[in-house]
Each structure stands twice: as C-alpha cells, then as structure tokens.
C-alpha cells in the first residue's frame, strides 16, 4: 500500500493528525490533533452542561420522571449563542478531520513521487 493511502487512512479512521505522525510531520500532526480536541472538548462541555440543567429540572419536578418527557428535553435544539457555539464546534471538528486526511494524503503523495 502506498504511503499516501496509509497516511490518509490513519488520519481518516484513527485520529486527525495520525497520518502526519506516520509521515514524521509531528508539528502539523499536533496542530490537527489539538484543534480537533478543542472542538471535541467544547461539544463535550456543552453536553455536560445540558445534562446538568436537565437533571436539575428533573429533581425540581419541572420535568416528570418519564422517558418521553426526558427524551423531549434531551433532544430539544439549543437556542441563541449556545446553538452557535455547538454548530461552530461541530463544523470545526468535521473540517479538521477532513483536512487532516486530505493533507496527510497530499504529503504522502509527495513522498511516493520521490
């Protein structure tokens, strides 16, 4: 298997930047890995905050302890700035992952051509 394909598959299926580490391009790999981890951290922080709010509403009796009521609270779309941050973090995470795979292929292709 060609180096370019291996690097792209590692970045696409293992982690963003993984293909760069395979190609010994650690600085670029660290940048892709760090940016994806920051985006993922924002998403996880949002999920945690949302779970805290819903659990407090259940404890106060605002949301009944029924599966349908809890499900509707969990699946309710975020509003305002919260929605903006979630959308930006999601787009950043996906974009970082795709760019890492494409860039790993590009760098691997250079090595294959030499």
PDB file of N, CA and C in Angstrom:
ATOM      1  N   UNK A   1       0.852  -1.174   0.000  1.00  0.00           N
ATOM      2  CA  UNK A   1       0.000   0.000   0.000  1.00  0.00           C
ATOM      3  C   UNK A   1       0.896   1.235   0.000  1.00  0.00           C
ATOM      4  N   UNK A   2       0.489   2.230  -0.739  1.00  0.00           N
ATOM      5  CA  UNK A   2       1.273   3.447  -0.853  1.00  0.00           C
ATOM      6  C   UNK A   2       1.261   4.234   0.458  1.00  0.00           C
ATOM      7  N   UNK A   3       2.309   4.986   0.656  1.00  0.00           N
ATOM      8  CA  UNK A   3       2.438   5.806   1.857  1.00  0.00           C
ATOM      9  C   UNK A   3       1.309   6.823   1.944  1.00  0.00           C
ATOM     10  N   UNK A   4       0.933   7.405   0.817  1.00  0.00           N
ATOM     11  CA  UNK A   4      -0.129   8.418   0.816  1.00  0.00           C
ATOM     12  C   UNK A   4      -1.457   7.828   1.276  1.00  0.00           C
ATOM     13  N   UNK A   5      -1.762   6.632   0.826  1.00  0.00           N
ATOM     14  CA  UNK A   5      -3.025   5.995   1.206  1.00  0.00           C
ATOM     15  C   UNK A   5      -3.003   5.612   2.685  1.00  0.00           C
ATOM     16  N   UNK A   6      -1.880   5.075   3.150  1.00  0.00           N
ATOM     17  CA  UNK A   6      -1.766   4.718   4.572  1.00  0.00           C
ATOM     18  C   UNK A   6      -1.951   5.943   5.455  1.00  0.00           C
ATOM     19  N   UNK A   7      -1.270   7.028   5.110  1.00  0.00           N
ATOM     20  CA  UNK A   7      -1.357   8.251   5.914  1.00  0.00           C
ATOM     21  C   UNK A   7      -2.777   8.800   5.928  1.00  0.00           C
ATOM     22  N   UNK A   8      -3.428   8.797   4.767  1.00  0.00           N
ATOM     23  CA  UNK A   8      -4.801   9.301   4.701  1.00  0.00           C
ATOM     24  C   UNK A   8      -5.752   8.424   5.505  1.00  0.00           C
ATOM     25  N   UNK A   9      -5.595   7.110   5.433  1.00  0.00           N
ATOM     26  CA  UNK A   9      -6.466   6.209   6.192  1.00  0.00           C
ATOM     27  C   UNK A   9      -6.251   6.344   7.694  1.00  0.00           C
ATOM     28  N   UNK A  10      -5.005   6.521   8.102  1.00  0.00           N
ATOM     29  CA  UNK A  10      -4.739   6.711   9.533  1.00  0.00           C
ATOM     30  C   UNK A  10      -5.393   7.996  10.023  1.00  0.00           C
ATOM     31  N   UNK A  11      -5.255   9.076   9.249  1.00  0.00           N
ATOM     32  CA  UNK A  11      -5.886  10.339   9.642  1.00  0.00           C
ATOM     33  C   UNK A  11      -7.404  10.257   9.592  1.00  0.00           C
ATOM     34  N   UNK A  12      -7.932   9.497   8.648  1.00  0.00           N
ATOM     35  CA  UNK A  12      -9.383   9.426   8.496  1.00  0.00           C
ATOM     36  C   UNK A  12     -10.046   8.520   9.523  1.00  0.00           C
ATOM     37  N   UNK A  13      -9.380   7.416   9.886  1.00  0.00           N
ATOM     38  CA  UNK A  13     -10.051   6.432  10.735  1.00  0.00           C
ATOM     39  C   UNK A  13      -9.487   6.285  12.140  1.00  0.00           C
ATOM     40  N   UNK A  14      -8.299   6.798  12.398  1.00  0.00           N
ATOM     41  CA  UNK A  14      -7.733   6.689  13.746  1.00  0.00           C
ATOM     42  C   UNK A  14      -7.934   7.995  14.489  1.00  0.00           C
ATOM     43  N   UNK A  15      -7.278   9.040  14.035  1.00  0.00           N
ATOM     44  CA  UNK A  15      -7.468  10.369  14.624  1.00  0.00           C
ATOM     45  C   UNK A  15      -6.907  11.416  13.678  1.00  0.00           C
ATOM     46  N   UNK A  16      -7.450  12.624  13.737  1.00  0.00           N
ATOM     47  CA  UNK A  16      -6.896  13.684  12.900  1.00  0.00           C
ATOM     48  C   UNK A  16      -5.443  13.939  13.292  1.00  0.00           C
ATOM     49  N   UNK A  17      -4.581  13.971  12.325  1.00  0.00           N
ATOM     50  CA  UNK A  17      -3.166  14.167  12.593  1.00  0.00           C
ATOM     51  C   UNK A  17      -2.390  12.879  12.697  1.00  0.00           C
ATOM     52  N   UNK A  18      -3.065  11.755  12.804  1.00  0.00           N
ATOM     53  CA  UNK A  18      -2.389  10.467  12.920  1.00  0.00           C
ATOM     54  C   UNK A  18      -1.541  10.142  11.707  1.00  0.00           C
ATOM     55  N   UNK A  19      -2.035  10.487  10.532  1.00  0.00           N
ATOM     56  CA  UNK A  19      -1.274  10.274   9.310  1.00  0.00           C
ATOM     57  C   UNK A  19      -0.030  11.134   9.256  1.00  0.00           C
ATOM     58  N   UNK A  20      -0.113  12.307   9.850  1.00  0.00           N
ATOM     59  CA  UNK A  20       1.056  13.187   9.897  1.00  0.00           C
ATOM     60  C   UNK A  20       2.132  12.607  10.816  1.00  0.00           C
ATOM     61  N   UNK A  21       1.707  12.027  11.905  1.00  0.00           N
ATOM     62  CA  UNK A  21       2.670  11.373  12.795  1.00  0.00           C
ATOM     63  C   UNK A  21       3.334  10.199  12.071  1.00  0.00           C
ATOM     64  N   UNK A  22       2.567   9.478  11.275  1.00  0.00           N
ATOM     65  CA  UNK A  22       3.104   8.377  10.486  1.00  0.00           C
ATOM     66  C   UNK A  22       4.158   8.881   9.492  1.00  0.00           C
ATOM     67  N   UNK A  23       3.914  10.068   8.951  1.00  0.00           N
ATOM     68  CA  UNK A  23       4.834  10.663   7.979  1.00  0.00           C
ATOM     69  C   UNK A  23       5.966  11.454   8.643  1.00  0.00           C
ATOM     70  N   UNK A  24       6.020  11.430   9.969  1.00  0.00           N
ATOM     71  CA  UNK A  24       7.042  12.147  10.746  1.00  0.00           C
ATOM     72  C   UNK A  24       6.892  13.667  10.639  1.00  0.00           C
ATOM     73  N   UNK A  25       5.680  14.140  10.465  1.00  0.00           N
ATOM     74  CA  UNK A  25       5.372  15.574  10.437  1.00  0.00           C
ATOM     75  C   UNK A  25       4.634  15.911  11.731  1.00  0.00           C
ATOM     76  N   UNK A  26       5.366  15.861  12.837  1.00  0.00           N
ATOM     77  CA  UNK A  26       4.732  15.951  14.151  1.00  0.00           C
ATOM     78  C   UNK A  26       4.131  17.326  14.447  1.00  0.00           C
ATOM     79  N   UNK A  27       4.733  18.395  13.964  1.00  0.00           N
ATOM     80  CA  UNK A  27       4.185  19.721  14.251  1.00  0.00           C
ATOM     81  C   UNK A  27       2.798  19.881  13.633  1.00  0.00           C
ATOM     82  N   UNK A  28       2.665  19.524  12.380  1.00  0.00           N
ATOM     83  CA  UNK A  28       1.368  19.623  11.702  1.00  0.00           C
ATOM     84  C   UNK A  28       0.381  18.630  12.329  1.00  0.00           C
ATOM     85  N   UNK A  29       0.862  17.440  12.652  1.00  0.00           N
ATOM     86  CA  UNK A  29       0.007  16.453  13.306  1.00  0.00           C
ATOM     87  C   UNK A  29      -0.519  16.945  14.642  1.00  0.00           C
ATOM     88  N   UNK A  30       0.350  17.585  15.409  1.00  0.00           N
ATOM     89  CA  UNK A  30      -0.080  18.144  16.697  1.00  0.00           C
ATOM     90  C   UNK A  30      -1.103  19.257  16.514  1.00  0.00           C
ATOM     91  N   UNK A  31      -0.942  20.083  15.476  1.00  0.00           N
ATOM     92  CA  UNK A  31      -1.909  21.154  15.229  1.00  0.00           C
ATOM     93  C   UNK A  31      -3.284  20.585  14.884  1.00  0.00           C
ATOM     94  N   UNK A  32      -3.320  19.586  14.009  1.00  0.00           N
ATOM     95  CA  UNK A  32      -4.600  18.965  13.678  1.00  0.00           C
ATOM     96  C   UNK A  32      -5.216  18.271  14.890  1.00  0.00           C
ATOM     97  N   UNK A  33      -4.394  17.564  15.640  1.00  0.00           N
ATOM     98  CA  UNK A  33      -4.896  16.859  16.820  1.00  0.00           C
ATOM     99  C   UNK A  33      -5.414  17.840  17.870  1.00  0.00           C
ATOM    100  N   UNK A  34      -4.671  18.904  18.113  1.00  0.00           N
ATOM    101  CA  UNK A  34      -5.078  19.893  19.108  1.00  0.00           C
ATOM    102  C   UNK A  34      -6.370  20.596  18.703  1.00  0.00           C
ATOM    103  N   UNK A  35      -6.477  20.985  17.440  1.00  0.00           N
ATOM    104  CA  UNK A  35      -7.696  21.689  17.025  1.00  0.00           C
ATOM    105  C   UNK A  35      -8.922  20.779  17.086  1.00  0.00           C
ATOM    106  N   UNK A  36      -8.744  19.511  16.767  1.00  0.00           N
ATOM    107  CA  UNK A  36      -9.890  18.602  16.878  1.00  0.00           C
ATOM    108  C   UNK A  36     -10.251  18.342  18.339  1.00  0.00           C
ATOM    109  N   UNK A  37      -9.255  18.270  19.203  1.00  0.00           N
ATOM    110  CA  UNK A  37      -9.539  18.063  20.629  1.00  0.00           C
ATOM    111  C   UNK A  37     -10.220  19.277  21.253  1.00  0.00           C
ATOM    112  N   UNK A  38      -9.853  20.469  20.817  1.00  0.00           N
ATOM    113  CA  UNK A  38     -10.520  21.670  21.326  1.00  0.00           C
ATOM    114  C   UNK A  38     -11.989  21.665  20.904  1.00  0.00           C
ATOM    115  N   UNK A  39     -12.255  21.360  19.651  1.00  0.00           N
ATOM    116  CA  UNK A  39     -13.641  21.302  19.180  1.00  0.00           C
ATOM    117  C   UNK A  39     -14.435  20.231  19.919  1.00  0.00           C
ATOM    118  N   UNK A  40     -13.821  19.077  20.095  1.00  0.00           N
ATOM    119  CA  UNK A  40     -14.497  17.992  20.807  1.00  0.00           C
ATOM    120  C   UNK A  40     -14.737  18.361  22.270  1.00  0.00           C
ATOM    121  N   UNK A  41     -13.799  19.060  22.879  1.00  0.00           N
ATOM    122  CA  UNK A  41     -13.970  19.492  24.268  1.00  0.00           C
ATOM    123  C   UNK A  41     -15.141  20.453  24.416  1.00  0.00           C
ATOM    124  N   UNK A  42     -15.294  21.362  23.461  1.00  0.00           N
ATOM    125  CA  UNK A  42     -16.433  22.284  23.501  1.00  0.00           C
ATOM    126  C   UNK A  42     -17.741  21.511  23.398  1.00  0.00           C
ATOM    127  N   UNK A  43     -17.792  20.523  22.509  1.00  0.00           N
ATOM    128  CA  UNK A  43     -19.009  19.722  22.364  1.00  0.00           C
ATOM    129  C   UNK A  43     -19.315  18.917  23.630  1.00  0.00           C
ATOM    130  N   UNK A  44     -18.288  18.325  24.219  1.00  0.00           N
ATOM    131  CA  UNK A  44     -18.494  17.553  25.445  1.00  0.00           C
ATOM    132  C   UNK A  44     -18.893  18.452  26.608  1.00  0.00           C
ATOM    133  N   UNK A  45     -18.305  19.646  26.696  1.00  0.00           N
ATOM    134  CA  UNK A  45     -18.667  20.583  27.752  1.00  0.00           C
ATOM    135  C   UNK A  45     -20.134  20.985  27.609  1.00  0.00           C
ATOM    136  N   UNK A  46     -20.555  21.236  26.369  1.00  0.00           N
ATOM    137  CA  UNK A  46     -21.954  21.587  26.135  1.00  0.00           C
ATOM    138  C   UNK A  46     -22.877  20.435  26.552  1.00  0.00           C
ATOM    139  N   UNK A  47     -22.532  19.221  26.194  1.00  0.00           N
ATOM    140  CA  UNK A  47     -23.357  18.062  26.559  1.00  0.00           C
ATOM    141  C   UNK A  47     -23.436  17.913  28.073  1.00  0.00           C
ATOM    142  N   UNK A  48     -22.320  18.124  28.752  1.00  0.00           N
ATOM    143  CA  UNK A  48     -22.298  18.029  30.217  1.00  0.00           C
ATOM    144  C   UNK A  48     -23.189  19.105  30.840  1.00  0.00           C
ATOM    145  N   UNK A  49     -23.065  20.337  30.367  1.00  0.00           N
ATOM    146  CA  UNK A  49     -23.879  21.427  30.898  1.00  0.00           C
ATOM    147  C   UNK A  49     -25.366  21.169  30.661  1.00  0.00           C
ATOM    148  N   UNK A  50     -25.676  20.663  29.496  1.00  0.00           N
ATOM    149  CA  UNK A  50     -27.070  20.361  29.165  1.00  0.00           C
ATOM    150  C   UNK A  50     -27.616  19.256  30.074  1.00  0.00           C
ATOM    151  N   UNK A  51     -26.812  18.233  30.319  1.00  0.00           N
ATOM    152  CA  UNK A  51     -27.226  17.146  31.214  1.00  0.00           C
ATOM    153  C   UNK A  51     -27.442  17.665  32.632  1.00  0.00           C
ATOM    154  N   UNK A  52     -26.586  18.576  33.070  1.00  0.00           N
ATOM    155  CA  UNK A  52     -26.744  19.157  34.413  1.00  0.00           C
ATOM    156  C   UNK A  52     -28.060  19.912  34.525  1.00  0.00           C
ATOM    157  N   UNK A  53     -28.384  20.723  33.524  1.00  0.00           N
ATOM    158  CA  UNK A  53     -29.619  21.506  33.547  1.00  0.00           C
ATOM    159  C   UNK A  53     -30.833  20.583  33.557  1.00  0.00           C
ATOM    160  N   UNK A  54     -30.811  19.561  32.716  1.00  0.00           N
ATOM    161  CA  UNK A  54     -31.951  18.636  32.643  1.00  0.00           C
ATOM    162  C   UNK A  54     -32.103  17.858  33.951  1.00  0.00           C
ATOM    163  N   UNK A  55     -30.982  17.426  34.532  1.00  0.00           N
ATOM    164  CA  UNK A  55     -31.085  16.686  35.802  1.00  0.00           C
ATOM    165  C   UNK A  55     -31.598  17.581  36.922  1.00  0.00           C
ATOM    166  N   UNK A  56     -31.217  18.854  36.943  1.00  0.00           N
ATOM    167  CA  UNK A  56     -31.746  19.774  37.955  1.00  0.00           C
ATOM    168  C   UNK A  56     -33.241  19.997  37.757  1.00  0.00           C
ATOM    169  N   UNK A  57     -33.686  20.085  36.503  1.00  0.00           N
ATOM    170  CA  UNK A  57     -35.112  20.243  36.234  1.00  0.00           C
ATOM    171  C   UNK A  57     -35.899  19.009  36.654  1.00  0.00           C
ATOM    172  N   UNK A  58     -35.309  17.837  36.506  1.00  0.00           N
ATOM    173  CA  UNK A  58     -35.973  16.605  36.954  1.00  0.00           C
ATOM    174  C   UNK A  58     -36.079  16.603  38.473  1.00  0.00           C
ATOM    175  N   UNK A  59     -35.008  16.985  39.150  1.00  0.00           N
ATOM    176  CA  UNK A  59     -35.020  16.994  40.619  1.00  0.00           C
ATOM    177  C   UNK A  59     -35.998  18.028  41.176  1.00  0.00           C
ATOM    178  N   UNK A  60     -36.170  19.154  40.500  1.00  0.00           N
ATOM    179  CA  UNK A  60     -37.109  20.184  40.947  1.00  0.00           C
ATOM    180  C   UNK A  60     -38.548  19.841  40.569  1.00  0.00           C
ATOM    181  N   UNK A  61     -38.744  18.830  39.736  1.00  0.00           N
ATOM    182  CA  UNK A  61     -40.083  18.433  39.334  1.00  0.00           C
ATOM    183  C   UNK A  61     -40.595  19.153  38.106  1.00  0.00           C
ATOM    184  N   UNK A  62     -39.756  19.946  37.449  1.00  0.00           N
ATOM    185  CA  UNK A  62     -40.181  20.654  36.245  1.00  0.00           C
ATOM    186  C   UNK A  62     -40.339  19.700  35.067  1.00  0.00           C
ATOM    187  N   UNK A  63     -39.547  18.656  35.052  1.00  0.00           N
ATOM    188  CA  UNK A  63     -39.662  17.610  34.032  1.00  0.00           C
ATOM    189  C   UNK A  63     -40.046  16.331  34.762  1.00  0.00           C
ATOM    190  N   UNK A  64     -41.172  15.710  34.375  1.00  0.00           N
ATOM    191  CA  UNK A  64     -41.571  14.473  35.060  1.00  0.00           C
ATOM    192  C   UNK A  64     -40.576  13.341  34.781  1.00  0.00           C
ATOM    193  N   UNK A  65     -40.526  12.429  35.690  1.00  0.00           N
ATOM    194  CA  UNK A  65     -39.608  11.300  35.585  1.00  0.00           C
ATOM    195  C   UNK A  65     -40.217  10.231  34.672  1.00  0.00           C
ATOM    196  N   UNK A  66     -40.384  10.604  33.423  1.00  0.00           N
ATOM    197  CA  UNK A  66     -40.922   9.722  32.400  1.00  0.00           C
ATOM    198  C   UNK A  66     -39.995   9.768  31.196  1.00  0.00           C
ATOM    199  N   UNK A  67     -39.865   8.650  30.524  1.00  0.00           N
ATOM    200  CA  UNK A  67     -38.937   8.550  29.401  1.00  0.00           C
ATOM    201  C   UNK A  67     -39.251   9.553  28.298  1.00  0.00           C
ATOM    202  N   UNK A  68     -40.509   9.697  27.930  1.00  0.00           N
ATOM    203  CA  UNK A  68     -40.872  10.613  26.846  1.00  0.00           C
ATOM    204  C   UNK A  68     -40.559  12.058  27.193  1.00  0.00           C
ATOM    205  N   UNK A  69     -40.806  12.459  28.424  1.00  0.00           N
ATOM    206  CA  UNK A  69     -40.535  13.834  28.842  1.00  0.00           C
ATOM    207  C   UNK A  69     -39.032  14.114  28.861  1.00  0.00           C
ATOM    208  N   UNK A  70     -38.265  13.171  29.364  1.00  0.00           N
ATOM    209  CA  UNK A  70     -36.810  13.340  29.406  1.00  0.00           C
ATOM    210  C   UNK A  70     -36.247  13.336  27.987  1.00  0.00           C
ATOM    211  N   UNK A  71     -36.767  12.459  27.142  1.00  0.00           N
ATOM    212  CA  UNK A  71     -36.302  12.388  25.758  1.00  0.00           C
ATOM    213  C   UNK A  71     -36.565  13.695  25.025  1.00  0.00           C
ATOM    214  N   UNK A  72     -37.726  14.274  25.227  1.00  0.00           N
ATOM    215  CA  UNK A  72     -38.025  15.543  24.547  1.00  0.00           C
ATOM    216  C   UNK A  72     -37.144  16.669  25.066  1.00  0.00           C
ATOM    217  N   UNK A  73     -36.784  16.643  26.339  1.00  0.00           N
ATOM    218  CA  UNK A  73     -35.880  17.662  26.881  1.00  0.00           C
ATOM    219  C   UNK A  73     -34.464  17.492  26.337  1.00  0.00           C
ATOM    220  N   UNK A  74     -34.029  16.261  26.201  1.00  0.00           N
ATOM    221  CA  UNK A  74     -32.677  15.990  25.712  1.00  0.00           C
ATOM    222  C   UNK A  74     -32.549  16.341  24.240  1.00  0.00           C
ATOM    223  N   UNK A  75     -33.575  16.049  23.450  1.00  0.00           N
ATOM    224  CA  UNK A  75     -33.487  16.261  22.002  1.00  0.00           C
ATOM    225  C   UNK A  75     -33.888  17.661  21.571  1.00  0.00           C
ATOM    226  N   UNK A  76     -34.243  18.512  22.509  1.00  0.00           N
ATOM    227  CA  UNK A  76     -34.602  19.884  22.171  1.00  0.00           C
ATOM    228  C   UNK A  76     -33.365  20.621  21.651  1.00  0.00           C
ATOM    229  N   UNK A  77     -33.520  21.317  20.547  1.00  0.00           N
ATOM    230  CA  UNK A  77     -32.395  22.019  19.925  1.00  0.00           C
ATOM    231  C   UNK A  77     -31.953  23.193  20.799  1.00  0.00           C
ATOM    232  N   UNK A  78     -30.640  23.417  20.877  1.00  0.00           N
ATOM    233  CA  UNK A  78     -30.156  24.572  21.640  1.00  0.00           C
ATOM    234  C   UNK A  78     -30.562  25.880  20.963  1.00  0.00           C
ATOM    235  N   UNK A  79     -30.584  26.958  21.741  1.00  0.00           N
ATOM    236  CA  UNK A  79     -31.024  28.247  21.209  1.00  0.00           C
ATOM    237  C   UNK A  79     -29.957  29.309  21.416  1.00  0.00           C
ATOM    238  N   UNK A  80     -30.002  30.338  20.598  1.00  0.00           N
ATOM    239  CA  UNK A  80     -29.158  31.510  20.764  1.00  0.00           C
ATOM    240  C   UNK A  80     -27.674  31.222  20.580  1.00  0.00           C
ATOM    241  N   UNK A  81     -26.877  31.830  21.449  1.00  0.00           N
ATOM    242  CA  UNK A  81     -25.425  31.662  21.378  1.00  0.00           C
ATOM    243  C   UNK A  81     -25.001  30.221  21.580  1.00  0.00           C
ATOM    244  N   UNK A  82     -25.760  29.496  22.376  1.00  0.00           N
ATOM    245  CA  UNK A  82     -25.453  28.094  22.626  1.00  0.00           C
ATOM    246  C   UNK A  82     -25.474  27.293  21.315  1.00  0.00           C
ATOM    247  N   UNK A  83     -26.473  27.550  20.498  1.00  0.00           N
ATOM    248  CA  UNK A  83     -26.571  26.870  19.208  1.00  0.00           C
ATOM    249  C   UNK A  83     -25.414  27.264  18.298  1.00  0.00           C
ATOM    250  N   UNK A  84     -25.034  28.527  18.345  1.00  0.00           N
ATOM    251  CA  UNK A  84     -23.924  28.997  17.524  1.00  0.00           C
ATOM    252  C   UNK A  84     -22.628  28.289  17.904  1.00  0.00           C
ATOM    253  N   UNK A  85     -22.355  28.175  19.204  1.00  0.00           N
ATOM    254  CA  UNK A  85     -21.130  27.523  19.663  1.00  0.00           C
ATOM    255  C   UNK A  85     -21.112  26.036  19.315  1.00  0.00           C
ATOM    256  N   UNK A  86     -22.252  25.393  19.453  1.00  0.00           N
ATOM    257  CA  UNK A  86     -22.338  23.970  19.117  1.00  0.00           C
ATOM    258  C   UNK A  86     -22.121  23.767  17.619  1.00  0.00           C
ATOM    259  N   UNK A  87     -22.735  24.600  16.808  1.00  0.00           N
ATOM    260  CA  UNK A  87     -22.569  24.480  15.356  1.00  0.00           C
ATOM    261  C   UNK A  87     -21.138  24.768  14.923  1.00  0.00           C
ATOM    262  N   UNK A  88     -20.524  25.790  15.508  1.00  0.00           N
ATOM    263  CA  UNK A  88     -19.132  26.107  15.169  1.00  0.00           C
ATOM    264  C   UNK A  88     -18.189  24.988  15.598  1.00  0.00           C
ATOM    265  N   UNK A  89     -18.410  24.438  16.782  1.00  0.00           N
ATOM    266  CA  UNK A  89     -17.551  23.354  17.264  1.00  0.00           C
ATOM    267  C   UNK A  89     -17.725  22.101  16.405  1.00  0.00           C
ATOM    268  N   UNK A  90     -18.953  21.804  16.018  1.00  0.00           N
ATOM    269  CA  UNK A  90     -19.197  20.645  15.166  1.00  0.00           C
ATOM    270  C   UNK A  90     -18.549  20.829  13.798  1.00  0.00           C
ATOM    271  N   UNK A  91     -18.732  22.000  13.218  1.00  0.00           N
ATOM    272  CA  UNK A  91     -18.127  22.276  11.907  1.00  0.00           C
ATOM    273  C   UNK A  91     -16.605  22.247  12.010  1.00  0.00           C
ATOM    274  N   UNK A  92     -16.060  22.799  13.080  1.00  0.00           N
ATOM    275  CA  UNK A  92     -14.609  22.780  13.267  1.00  0.00           C
ATOM    276  C   UNK A  92     -14.071  21.373  13.404  1.00  0.00           C
ATOM    277  N   UNK A  93     -14.779  20.535  14.132  1.00  0.00           N
ATOM    278  CA  UNK A  93     -14.342  19.159  14.320  1.00  0.00           C
ATOM    279  C   UNK A  93     -14.352  18.390  12.998  1.00  0.00           C
ATOM    280  N   UNK A  94     -15.435  18.506  12.258  1.00  0.00           N
ATOM    281  CA  UNK A  94     -15.545  17.799  10.975  1.00  0.00           C
ATOM    282  C   UNK A  94     -14.529  18.337   9.974  1.00  0.00           C
ATOM    283  N   UNK A  95     -14.411  19.650   9.900  1.00  0.00           N
ATOM    284  CA  UNK A  95     -13.474  20.262   8.961  1.00  0.00           C
ATOM    285  C   UNK A  95     -12.032  19.879   9.278  1.00  0.00           C
ATOM    286  N   UNK A  96     -11.684  19.870  10.543  1.00  0.00           N
ATOM    287  CA  UNK A  96     -10.336  19.473  10.938  1.00  0.00           C
ATOM    288  C   UNK A  96     -10.053  18.039  10.539  1.00  0.00           C
ATOM    289  N   UNK A  97     -11.004  17.152  10.765  1.00  0.00           N
ATOM    290  CA  UNK A  97     -10.818  15.739  10.447  1.00  0.00           C
ATOM    291  C   UNK A  97     -10.624  15.536   8.938  1.00  0.00           C
ATOM    292  N   UNK A  98     -11.465  16.203   8.135  1.00  0.00           N
ATOM    293  CA  UNK A  98     -11.371  16.062   6.680  1.00  0.00           C
ATOM    294  C   UNK A  98     -10.067  16.663   6.160  1.00  0.00           C
ATOM    295  N   UNK A  99      -9.735  17.855   6.640  1.00  0.00           N
ATOM    296  CA  UNK A  99      -8.494  18.496   6.188  1.00  0.00           C
ATOM    297  C   UNK A  99      -7.259  17.690   6.581  1.00  0.00           C
ATOM    298  N   UNK A 100      -7.292  17.082   7.753  1.00  0.00           N
ATOM    299  CA  UNK A 100      -6.149  16.268   8.187  1.00  0.00           C
ATOM    300  C   UNK A 100      -5.959  15.075   7.250  1.00  0.00           C
ATOM    301  N   UNK A 101      -7.041  14.426   6.875  1.00  0.00           N
ATOM    302  CA  UNK A 101      -6.927  13.278   5.965  1.00  0.00           C
ATOM    303  C   UNK A 101      -6.445  13.709   4.588  1.00  0.00           C
ATOM    304  N   UNK A 102      -6.976  14.805   4.082  1.00  0.00           N
ATOM    305  CA  UNK A 102      -6.560  15.286   2.765  1.00  0.00           C
ATOM    306  C   UNK A 102      -5.099  15.743   2.762  1.00  0.00           C
ATOM    307  N   UNK A 103      -4.697  16.441   3.826  1.00  0.00           N
ATOM    308  CA  UNK A 103      -3.318  16.915   3.893  1.00  0.00           C
ATOM    309  C   UNK A 103      -2.341  15.751   4.082  1.00  0.00           C
ATOM    310  N   UNK A 104      -2.732  14.749   4.841  1.00  0.00           N
ATOM    311  CA  UNK A 104      -1.870  13.576   5.008  1.00  0.00           C
ATOM    312  C   UNK A 104      -1.697  12.863   3.673  1.00  0.00           C
ATOM    313  N   UNK A 105      -2.767  12.797   2.883  1.00  0.00           N
ATOM    314  CA  UNK A 105      -2.654  12.191   1.552  1.00  0.00           C
ATOM    315  C   UNK A 105      -1.728  13.014   0.667  1.00  0.00           C
ATOM    316  N   UNK A 106      -1.875  14.330   0.722  1.00  0.00           N
ATOM    317  CA  UNK A 106      -1.044  15.217  -0.096  1.00  0.00           C
ATOM    318  C   UNK A 106       0.426  15.081   0.253  1.00  0.00           C
ATOM    319  N   UNK A 107       0.733  15.069   1.545  1.00  0.00           N
ATOM    320  CA  UNK A 107       2.129  14.918   1.969  1.00  0.00           C
ATOM    321  C   UNK A 107       2.663  13.531   1.650  1.00  0.00           C
ATOM    322  N   UNK A 108       1.825  12.524   1.813  1.00  0.00           N
ATOM    323  CA  UNK A 108       2.242  11.170   1.463  1.00  0.00           C
ATOM    324  C   UNK A 108       2.472  11.000  -0.019  1.00  0.00           C
ATOM    325  N   UNK A 109       1.685  11.692  -0.830  1.00  0.00           N
ATOM    326  CA  UNK A 109       1.842  11.635  -2.282  1.00  0.00           C
ATOM    327  C   UNK A 109       3.204  12.214  -2.694  1.00  0.00           C
ATOM    328  N   UNK A 110       3.633  13.265  -2.012  1.00  0.00           N
ATOM    329  CA  UNK A 110       4.960  13.834  -2.287  1.00  0.00           C
ATOM    330  C   UNK A 110       6.051  12.804  -2.021  1.00  0.00           C
ATOM    331  N   UNK A 111       5.891  12.066  -0.929  1.00  0.00           N
ATOM    332  CA  UNK A 111       6.891  11.048  -0.578  1.00  0.00           C
ATOM    333  C   UNK A 111       6.837   9.912  -1.602  1.00  0.00           C
ATOM    334  N   UNK A 112       5.636   9.525  -2.027  1.00  0.00           N
ATOM    335  CA  UNK A 112       5.507   8.454  -3.026  1.00  0.00           C
ATOM    336  C   UNK A 112       6.144   8.835  -4.351  1.00  0.00           C
ATOM    337  N   UNK A 113       6.029  10.111  -4.720  1.00  0.00           N
ATOM    338  CA  UNK A 113       6.561  10.561  -6.012  1.00  0.00           C
ATOM    339  C   UNK A 113       8.084  10.692  -6.025  1.00  0.00           C
ATOM    340  N   UNK A 114       8.671  10.774  -4.850  1.00  0.00           N
ATOM    341  CA  UNK A 114      10.146  10.927  -4.800  1.00  0.00           C
ATOM    342  C   UNK A 114      10.861   9.634  -5.016  1.00  0.00           C
TER     343      UNK A 114
END
